[in-house]
């Protein structure tokens, strides 16, 4: 579990390095009509981090927590990922959520199952 948390923690730095220096055109480029741009992926990662952090907090705080699913494509369309003004740097910063800070590998609560809906 500790190795997984460490690997997760490196993700922010790797993501930041991967997008550093990209132009707006490169960030907004879509490789196909049904494919997401880097910009959209960054916003998705930020939203995913927020959802995942909330899920982890529920697992740590509640017995048999109810874990809600989310529709990523609905969020992308309804929240305007494609045209959204959110800067890539802001999305990358959000993607650095303190997920690992909540995950103490010695805490048995971190291994509790949740109930998905």
Protein backbone atom coordinates (compact mmCIF):
# COMPACT_ATOMS: atom_id res chain seq x y z
CA UNK A 1 0.00 0.00 0.00
CA UNK A 2 2.85 2.41 0.81
CA UNK A 3 4.41 1.86 -2.62
CA UNK A 4 1.06 2.53 -4.28
CA UNK A 5 0.65 5.78 -2.34
CA UNK A 6 4.18 6.86 -3.28
CA UNK A 7 3.53 6.07 -6.95
CA UNK A 8 0.29 8.00 -6.80
CA UNK A 9 2.13 10.98 -5.28
CA UNK A 10 4.57 11.06 -8.21
CA UNK A 11 1.69 11.38 -10.66
CA UNK A 12 1.26 15.10 -10.09
CA UNK A 13 4.88 15.85 -10.97
CA UNK A 14 4.76 13.61 -14.04
CA UNK A 15 1.52 15.20 -15.23
CA UNK A 16 2.91 18.70 -14.71
CA UNK A 17 6.06 17.84 -16.67
CA UNK A 18 4.04 16.26 -19.48
CA UNK A 19 1.99 19.41 -20.17
CA UNK A 20 4.57 22.05 -19.35
CA UNK A 21 5.29 24.22 -22.36
CA UNK A 22 2.37 23.01 -24.49
CA UNK A 23 0.62 25.68 -26.51
CA UNK A 24 -3.11 26.36 -26.26
CA UNK A 25 -3.48 24.78 -29.68
CA UNK A 26 -1.72 21.61 -28.52
CA UNK A 27 -3.80 21.47 -25.34
CA UNK A 28 -7.05 21.90 -27.27
CA UNK A 29 -6.23 19.56 -30.18
CA UNK A 30 -8.66 16.64 -30.53
CA UNK A 31 -7.25 13.59 -32.34
CA UNK A 32 -10.74 12.57 -33.46
CA UNK A 33 -14.38 13.64 -33.20
CA UNK A 34 -15.07 11.31 -30.28
CA UNK A 35 -11.70 11.79 -28.58
CA UNK A 36 -10.83 14.19 -25.78
CA UNK A 37 -8.19 16.88 -26.00
CA UNK A 38 -5.40 17.15 -23.44
CA UNK A 39 -7.33 20.11 -22.00
CA UNK A 40 -10.44 17.96 -21.52
CA UNK A 41 -8.40 15.12 -20.03
CA UNK A 42 -6.82 17.49 -17.51
CA UNK A 43 -10.22 18.76 -16.43
CA UNK A 44 -11.46 15.17 -16.21
CA UNK A 45 -8.47 14.26 -14.02
CA UNK A 46 -9.21 17.20 -11.75
CA UNK A 47 -12.86 16.18 -11.40
CA UNK A 48 -11.86 12.55 -10.92
CA UNK A 49 -9.47 13.51 -8.12
CA UNK A 50 -12.20 15.44 -6.35
CA UNK A 51 -14.62 12.51 -6.64
CA UNK A 52 -11.97 9.97 -5.58
CA UNK A 53 -10.94 12.03 -2.58
CA UNK A 54 -14.57 12.26 -1.46
CA UNK A 55 -14.97 8.50 -1.89
CA UNK A 56 -11.85 7.77 0.13
CA UNK A 57 -13.01 10.08 2.92
CA UNK A 58 -16.32 8.18 3.04
CA UNK A 59 -14.48 4.84 3.25
CA UNK A 60 -12.34 6.14 6.10
CA UNK A 61 -15.22 7.73 8.00
CA UNK A 62 -18.20 5.42 7.47
CA UNK A 63 -18.99 1.74 7.93
CA UNK A 64 -20.20 0.34 4.59
CA UNK A 65 -20.16 3.71 2.83
CA UNK A 66 -22.37 4.26 -0.18
CA UNK A 67 -20.08 5.08 -3.12
CA UNK A 68 -21.86 6.96 -5.88
CA UNK A 69 -20.88 6.52 -9.51
CA UNK A 70 -20.60 9.38 -11.95
CA UNK A 71 -21.01 9.69 -15.68
CA UNK A 72 -17.76 11.14 -17.01
CA UNK A 73 -19.12 11.79 -20.50
CA UNK A 74 -22.19 13.57 -19.10
CA UNK A 75 -19.96 15.69 -16.87
CA UNK A 76 -17.67 16.51 -19.81
CA UNK A 77 -20.57 17.65 -21.97
CA UNK A 78 -22.70 19.33 -19.29
CA UNK A 79 -19.79 21.09 -17.60
CA UNK A 80 -18.29 22.23 -20.90
CA UNK A 81 -14.90 20.56 -20.66
CA UNK A 82 -14.22 21.31 -24.34
CA UNK A 83 -15.00 25.02 -24.28
CA UNK A 84 -14.41 25.56 -20.59
CA UNK A 85 -12.20 28.44 -19.57
CA UNK A 86 -10.40 26.43 -16.92
CA UNK A 87 -6.70 26.75 -17.52
CA UNK A 88 -4.71 23.55 -17.83
CA UNK A 89 -2.46 24.66 -14.99
CA UNK A 90 -5.46 25.01 -12.68
CA UNK A 91 -6.68 21.54 -13.60
CA UNK A 92 -3.22 20.09 -12.98
CA UNK A 93 -3.14 21.80 -9.58
CA UNK A 94 -6.51 20.34 -8.66
CA UNK A 95 -5.24 16.95 -9.77
CA UNK A 96 -2.69 17.21 -6.96
CA UNK A 97 -5.45 16.73 -4.38
CA UNK A 98 -4.20 15.43 -1.06
CA UNK A 99 -5.47 11.90 -1.73
CA UNK A 100 -2.35 10.28 -0.30
CA UNK A 101 -2.62 12.34 2.88
CA UNK A 102 -5.82 10.48 3.74
CA UNK A 103 -4.42 7.05 2.93
CA UNK A 104 -2.47 5.70 5.88
CA UNK A 105 -1.42 2.20 4.83
CA UNK A 106 -1.58 1.00 8.43
CA UNK A 107 -5.18 2.20 8.80
CA UNK A 108 -7.48 -0.80 8.31
CA UNK A 109 -10.32 1.57 7.39
CA UNK A 110 -8.56 2.27 4.08
CA UNK A 111 -9.32 -1.33 3.05
CA UNK A 112 -13.04 -1.23 3.86
CA UNK A 113 -15.32 -2.04 0.96
CA UNK A 114 -17.92 0.44 -0.14
CA UNK A 115 -21.34 -0.20 -1.67
CA UNK A 116 -21.56 1.15 -5.20
CA UNK A 117 -24.62 2.49 -6.91
